[in-house]
């Protein structure tokens, strides 16, 4: 597995859960905030939020910063670019394949 494939896999693993997507939404709206604050906005416990934040941090989608007794989390949207680039490449590949199929079914043997 290449580094890019590993990065894409980590990002998609982080995005694969609806609670984690909600956490990312909260962080996008509020900026740096604590797990306790996030938990007040979602129907899950603070402990569950903390576990999800660990997964998101491992995926590189959030970053944590300790300030005294508080740990604040912040969204790292640039990391999603890895997944976006991968999806764009896959979409381009499929567009070429579908174009080839369209030309073949229309009787034109030369795809563009």
N, C-alpha and C. Protein backbone atom coordinates (compact mmCIF):
# COMPACT_ATOMS: atom_id res chain seq x y z
N UNK A 1 0.85 -1.17 0.00
CA UNK A 1 0.00 0.00 0.00
C UNK A 1 0.90 1.24 0.00
N UNK A 2 0.61 2.17 -0.88
CA UNK A 2 1.39 3.40 -0.95
C UNK A 2 0.97 4.35 0.17
N UNK A 3 1.79 5.38 0.37
CA UNK A 3 1.46 6.38 1.38
C UNK A 3 0.15 7.10 1.04
N UNK A 4 -0.06 7.39 -0.24
CA UNK A 4 -1.29 8.06 -0.65
C UNK A 4 -2.49 7.17 -0.38
N UNK A 5 -2.40 5.90 -0.72
CA UNK A 5 -3.50 4.97 -0.46
C UNK A 5 -3.78 4.89 1.04
N UNK A 6 -2.72 4.85 1.84
CA UNK A 6 -2.89 4.80 3.29
C UNK A 6 -3.57 6.07 3.79
N UNK A 7 -3.15 7.23 3.28
CA UNK A 7 -3.76 8.50 3.68
C UNK A 7 -5.23 8.54 3.31
N UNK A 8 -5.55 8.12 2.09
CA UNK A 8 -6.95 8.10 1.64
C UNK A 8 -7.77 7.17 2.53
N UNK A 9 -7.22 6.00 2.82
CA UNK A 9 -7.92 5.05 3.67
C UNK A 9 -8.18 5.63 5.06
N UNK A 10 -7.20 6.31 5.63
CA UNK A 10 -7.37 6.92 6.95
C UNK A 10 -8.45 8.00 6.94
N UNK A 11 -8.44 8.84 5.90
CA UNK A 11 -9.44 9.91 5.81
C UNK A 11 -10.84 9.32 5.68
N UNK A 12 -10.99 8.34 4.78
CA UNK A 12 -12.31 7.74 4.62
C UNK A 12 -12.76 7.00 5.87
N UNK A 13 -11.84 6.39 6.58
CA UNK A 13 -12.19 5.73 7.85
C UNK A 13 -12.69 6.78 8.85
N UNK A 14 -12.06 7.92 8.86
CA UNK A 14 -12.50 9.00 9.75
C UNK A 14 -13.87 9.53 9.38
N UNK A 15 -14.16 9.57 8.09
CA UNK A 15 -15.44 10.11 7.61
C UNK A 15 -16.55 9.08 7.56
N UNK A 16 -16.25 7.83 7.87
CA UNK A 16 -17.19 6.72 7.67
C UNK A 16 -18.28 6.60 8.72
N UNK A 17 -18.31 7.46 9.68
CA UNK A 17 -19.29 7.36 10.76
C UNK A 17 -20.09 8.65 10.85
N UNK A 18 -21.40 8.54 10.98
CA UNK A 18 -22.25 9.73 11.00
C UNK A 18 -21.96 10.63 12.22
N UNK A 19 -21.61 10.03 13.35
CA UNK A 19 -21.29 10.84 14.52
C UNK A 19 -20.02 11.65 14.27
N UNK A 20 -19.03 11.04 13.63
CA UNK A 20 -17.80 11.77 13.33
C UNK A 20 -18.07 12.91 12.34
N UNK A 21 -18.96 12.68 11.39
CA UNK A 21 -19.33 13.76 10.47
C UNK A 21 -19.99 14.91 11.22
N UNK A 22 -20.83 14.57 12.19
CA UNK A 22 -21.47 15.62 13.00
C UNK A 22 -20.43 16.37 13.83
N UNK A 23 -19.45 15.66 14.35
CA UNK A 23 -18.38 16.30 15.11
C UNK A 23 -17.63 17.29 14.23
N UNK A 24 -17.33 16.87 13.00
CA UNK A 24 -16.64 17.77 12.07
C UNK A 24 -17.49 19.01 11.77
N UNK A 25 -18.81 18.81 11.65
CA UNK A 25 -19.71 19.95 11.44
C UNK A 25 -19.66 20.93 12.61
N UNK A 26 -19.68 20.39 13.83
CA UNK A 26 -19.62 21.24 15.03
C UNK A 26 -18.30 22.01 15.06
N UNK A 27 -17.21 21.33 14.76
CA UNK A 27 -15.91 22.01 14.76
C UNK A 27 -15.84 23.07 13.66
N UNK A 28 -16.46 22.79 12.52
CA UNK A 28 -16.47 23.77 11.43
C UNK A 28 -17.25 25.02 11.84
N UNK A 29 -18.32 24.84 12.60
CA UNK A 29 -19.15 25.98 13.03
C UNK A 29 -18.51 26.77 14.16
N UNK A 30 -17.90 26.06 15.12
CA UNK A 30 -17.43 26.71 16.34
C UNK A 30 -15.93 26.95 16.40
N UNK A 31 -15.18 26.35 15.53
CA UNK A 31 -13.72 26.47 15.63
C UNK A 31 -13.21 25.58 16.75
N UNK A 32 -12.10 25.96 17.36
CA UNK A 32 -11.49 25.16 18.42
C UNK A 32 -12.43 25.05 19.60
N UNK A 33 -12.67 23.81 20.03
CA UNK A 33 -13.57 23.58 21.15
C UNK A 33 -13.22 22.26 21.83
N UNK A 34 -13.81 22.04 22.98
CA UNK A 34 -13.53 20.85 23.78
C UNK A 34 -14.51 19.72 23.46
N UNK A 35 -14.14 18.51 23.87
CA UNK A 35 -15.02 17.35 23.70
C UNK A 35 -16.32 17.55 24.48
N UNK A 36 -16.23 18.18 25.64
CA UNK A 36 -17.43 18.43 26.45
C UNK A 36 -18.40 19.35 25.73
N UNK A 37 -17.88 20.38 25.10
CA UNK A 37 -18.74 21.30 24.36
C UNK A 37 -19.39 20.61 23.17
N UNK A 38 -18.61 19.79 22.47
CA UNK A 38 -19.17 19.03 21.34
C UNK A 38 -20.28 18.11 21.82
N UNK A 39 -20.07 17.47 22.96
CA UNK A 39 -21.05 16.53 23.50
C UNK A 39 -22.37 17.20 23.83
N UNK A 40 -22.35 18.50 24.15
CA UNK A 40 -23.61 19.19 24.45
C UNK A 40 -24.46 19.37 23.19
N UNK A 41 -23.85 19.26 22.03
CA UNK A 41 -24.57 19.47 20.78
C UNK A 41 -24.97 18.18 20.08
N UNK A 42 -24.49 17.05 20.58
CA UNK A 42 -24.79 15.77 19.94
C UNK A 42 -25.41 14.80 20.95
N UNK A 43 -26.19 13.86 20.46
CA UNK A 43 -26.88 12.93 21.36
C UNK A 43 -26.01 11.74 21.78
N UNK A 44 -24.73 11.99 22.10
CA UNK A 44 -23.84 10.94 22.58
C UNK A 44 -23.06 11.46 23.78
N UNK A 45 -22.45 10.55 24.51
CA UNK A 45 -21.73 10.93 25.72
C UNK A 45 -20.40 11.60 25.38
N UNK A 46 -19.86 12.28 26.37
CA UNK A 46 -18.55 12.91 26.21
C UNK A 46 -17.48 11.85 25.94
N UNK A 47 -17.60 10.70 26.58
CA UNK A 47 -16.63 9.62 26.37
C UNK A 47 -16.66 9.12 24.93
N UNK A 48 -17.86 9.01 24.37
CA UNK A 48 -17.99 8.58 22.97
C UNK A 48 -17.38 9.64 22.04
N UNK A 49 -17.62 10.90 22.35
CA UNK A 49 -17.03 11.99 21.56
C UNK A 49 -15.51 11.89 21.60
N UNK A 50 -14.96 11.65 22.77
CA UNK A 50 -13.51 11.55 22.91
C UNK A 50 -12.95 10.42 22.05
N UNK A 51 -13.64 9.28 22.02
CA UNK A 51 -13.18 8.16 21.19
C UNK A 51 -13.24 8.52 19.71
N UNK A 52 -14.32 9.18 19.31
CA UNK A 52 -14.43 9.59 17.90
C UNK A 52 -13.36 10.62 17.55
N UNK A 53 -13.06 11.52 18.47
CA UNK A 53 -12.03 12.53 18.23
C UNK A 53 -10.65 11.88 18.07
N UNK A 54 -10.41 10.81 18.79
CA UNK A 54 -9.15 10.07 18.65
C UNK A 54 -9.03 9.52 17.24
N UNK A 55 -10.10 8.96 16.71
CA UNK A 55 -10.10 8.41 15.35
C UNK A 55 -9.90 9.53 14.34
N UNK A 56 -10.59 10.65 14.55
CA UNK A 56 -10.45 11.79 13.64
C UNK A 56 -9.04 12.37 13.68
N UNK A 57 -8.45 12.37 14.86
CA UNK A 57 -7.08 12.88 14.98
C UNK A 57 -6.10 11.94 14.29
N UNK A 58 -6.29 10.65 14.46
CA UNK A 58 -5.45 9.66 13.79
C UNK A 58 -5.54 9.79 12.27
N UNK A 59 -6.72 10.16 11.78
CA UNK A 59 -6.93 10.34 10.34
C UNK A 59 -6.39 11.68 9.85
N UNK A 60 -5.99 12.54 10.78
CA UNK A 60 -5.46 13.83 10.41
C UNK A 60 -6.53 14.87 10.09
N UNK A 61 -7.77 14.58 10.49
CA UNK A 61 -8.88 15.49 10.21
C UNK A 61 -9.09 16.54 11.30
N UNK A 62 -8.58 16.26 12.50
CA UNK A 62 -8.61 17.22 13.59
C UNK A 62 -7.26 17.23 14.28
N UNK A 63 -7.02 18.29 15.00
CA UNK A 63 -5.80 18.42 15.78
C UNK A 63 -6.20 18.82 17.19
N UNK A 64 -5.44 18.36 18.18
CA UNK A 64 -5.74 18.72 19.56
C UNK A 64 -4.62 19.57 20.13
N UNK A 65 -4.99 20.42 21.08
CA UNK A 65 -4.04 21.29 21.73
C UNK A 65 -4.44 21.42 23.20
N UNK A 66 -3.53 21.05 24.08
CA UNK A 66 -3.81 21.14 25.52
C UNK A 66 -3.50 22.55 26.01
N UNK A 67 -4.47 23.11 26.70
CA UNK A 67 -4.31 24.42 27.34
C UNK A 67 -4.72 24.26 28.80
N UNK A 68 -3.74 24.03 29.65
CA UNK A 68 -4.05 23.75 31.06
C UNK A 68 -4.73 22.40 31.18
N UNK A 69 -5.91 22.38 31.77
CA UNK A 69 -6.65 21.13 31.93
C UNK A 69 -7.53 20.82 30.73
N UNK A 70 -7.70 21.78 29.83
CA UNK A 70 -8.58 21.59 28.68
C UNK A 70 -7.80 21.10 27.46
N UNK A 71 -8.47 20.26 26.69
CA UNK A 71 -7.94 19.87 25.39
C UNK A 71 -8.92 20.41 24.37
N UNK A 72 -8.42 21.26 23.50
CA UNK A 72 -9.25 21.85 22.45
C UNK A 72 -8.94 21.17 21.13
N UNK A 73 -9.98 20.93 20.37
CA UNK A 73 -9.86 20.29 19.07
C UNK A 73 -10.22 21.29 17.99
N UNK A 74 -9.52 21.19 16.87
CA UNK A 74 -9.76 22.07 15.74
C UNK A 74 -9.79 21.23 14.46
N UNK A 75 -10.64 21.61 13.55
CA UNK A 75 -10.79 20.94 12.26
C UNK A 75 -9.59 21.24 11.37
N UNK A 76 -9.10 20.21 10.66
CA UNK A 76 -8.03 20.38 9.68
C UNK A 76 -8.59 20.05 8.29
N UNK A 77 -9.28 21.00 7.66
CA UNK A 77 -9.96 20.71 6.39
C UNK A 77 -9.01 20.37 5.24
N UNK A 78 -7.77 20.82 5.30
CA UNK A 78 -6.83 20.55 4.21
C UNK A 78 -6.62 19.05 4.03
N UNK A 79 -6.74 18.30 5.08
CA UNK A 79 -6.54 16.85 5.02
C UNK A 79 -7.59 16.18 4.13
N UNK A 80 -8.77 16.78 4.03
CA UNK A 80 -9.82 16.21 3.19
C UNK A 80 -9.46 16.32 1.71
N UNK A 81 -8.50 17.18 1.39
CA UNK A 81 -8.06 17.31 0.01
C UNK A 81 -7.49 16.00 -0.52
N UNK A 82 -6.89 15.20 0.34
CA UNK A 82 -6.37 13.89 -0.06
C UNK A 82 -7.49 13.04 -0.64
N UNK A 83 -8.60 12.99 0.06
CA UNK A 83 -9.75 12.21 -0.41
C UNK A 83 -10.37 12.85 -1.64
N UNK A 84 -10.43 14.15 -1.68
CA UNK A 84 -11.00 14.85 -2.82
C UNK A 84 -10.21 14.59 -4.09
N UNK A 85 -8.88 14.63 -4.00
CA UNK A 85 -8.05 14.36 -5.17
C UNK A 85 -8.23 12.92 -5.64
N UNK A 86 -8.32 11.99 -4.70
CA UNK A 86 -8.51 10.58 -5.06
C UNK A 86 -9.86 10.40 -5.76
N UNK A 87 -10.91 11.00 -5.21
CA UNK A 87 -12.23 10.90 -5.82
C UNK A 87 -12.26 11.51 -7.22
N UNK A 88 -11.56 12.63 -7.40
CA UNK A 88 -11.50 13.26 -8.72
C UNK A 88 -10.81 12.35 -9.73
N UNK A 89 -9.74 11.71 -9.31
CA UNK A 89 -9.02 10.79 -10.20
C UNK A 89 -9.91 9.60 -10.58
N UNK A 90 -10.61 9.05 -9.62
CA UNK A 90 -11.52 7.93 -9.90
C UNK A 90 -12.64 8.37 -10.83
N UNK A 91 -13.18 9.56 -10.61
CA UNK A 91 -14.25 10.09 -11.47
C UNK A 91 -13.76 10.26 -12.90
N UNK A 92 -12.54 10.77 -13.06
CA UNK A 92 -11.98 10.92 -14.40
C UNK A 92 -11.82 9.57 -15.09
N UNK A 93 -11.32 8.59 -14.36
CA UNK A 93 -11.16 7.23 -14.92
C UNK A 93 -12.50 6.68 -15.39
N UNK A 94 -13.52 6.85 -14.57
CA UNK A 94 -14.85 6.35 -14.93
C UNK A 94 -15.44 7.11 -16.11
N UNK A 95 -15.18 8.39 -16.21
CA UNK A 95 -15.68 9.18 -17.34
C UNK A 95 -15.08 8.66 -18.65
N UNK A 96 -13.79 8.33 -18.62
CA UNK A 96 -13.14 7.77 -19.81
C UNK A 96 -13.76 6.41 -20.14
N UNK A 97 -13.93 5.57 -19.16
CA UNK A 97 -14.51 4.23 -19.39
C UNK A 97 -15.93 4.34 -19.95
N UNK A 98 -16.74 5.20 -19.34
CA UNK A 98 -18.12 5.35 -19.81
C UNK A 98 -18.17 5.96 -21.20
N UNK A 99 -17.22 6.84 -21.51
CA UNK A 99 -17.14 7.39 -22.86
C UNK A 99 -16.81 6.32 -23.88
N UNK A 100 -15.91 5.43 -23.51
CA UNK A 100 -15.56 4.31 -24.38
C UNK A 100 -16.76 3.41 -24.62
N UNK A 101 -17.50 3.13 -23.58
CA UNK A 101 -18.71 2.29 -23.71
C UNK A 101 -19.75 3.00 -24.58
N UNK A 102 -19.93 4.29 -24.36
CA UNK A 102 -20.90 5.04 -25.16
C UNK A 102 -20.54 5.01 -26.64
N UNK A 103 -19.27 5.21 -26.94
CA UNK A 103 -18.84 5.17 -28.34
C UNK A 103 -19.02 3.77 -28.94
N UNK A 104 -18.74 2.75 -28.16
CA UNK A 104 -18.88 1.37 -28.66
C UNK A 104 -20.35 1.04 -28.93
N UNK A 105 -21.24 1.49 -28.07
CA UNK A 105 -22.66 1.18 -28.26
C UNK A 105 -23.29 2.00 -29.36
N UNK A 106 -22.68 3.14 -29.66
CA UNK A 106 -23.21 3.99 -30.73
C UNK A 106 -22.62 3.61 -32.09
N UNK A 107 -21.70 2.65 -32.08
CA UNK A 107 -21.11 2.19 -33.33
C UNK A 107 -19.89 2.97 -33.76
N UNK A 108 -19.41 3.91 -32.94
CA UNK A 108 -18.22 4.68 -33.26
C UNK A 108 -17.04 4.03 -32.54
N UNK A 109 -16.12 3.38 -33.28
CA UNK A 109 -15.02 2.64 -32.63
C UNK A 109 -13.90 3.52 -32.11
N UNK A 110 -13.94 4.83 -32.33
CA UNK A 110 -12.84 5.69 -31.88
C UNK A 110 -13.29 6.58 -30.72
N UNK A 111 -12.95 6.18 -29.47
CA UNK A 111 -13.33 7.02 -28.32
C UNK A 111 -12.47 8.28 -28.29
N UNK A 112 -13.02 9.32 -27.66
CA UNK A 112 -12.27 10.57 -27.53
C UNK A 112 -11.65 10.70 -26.17
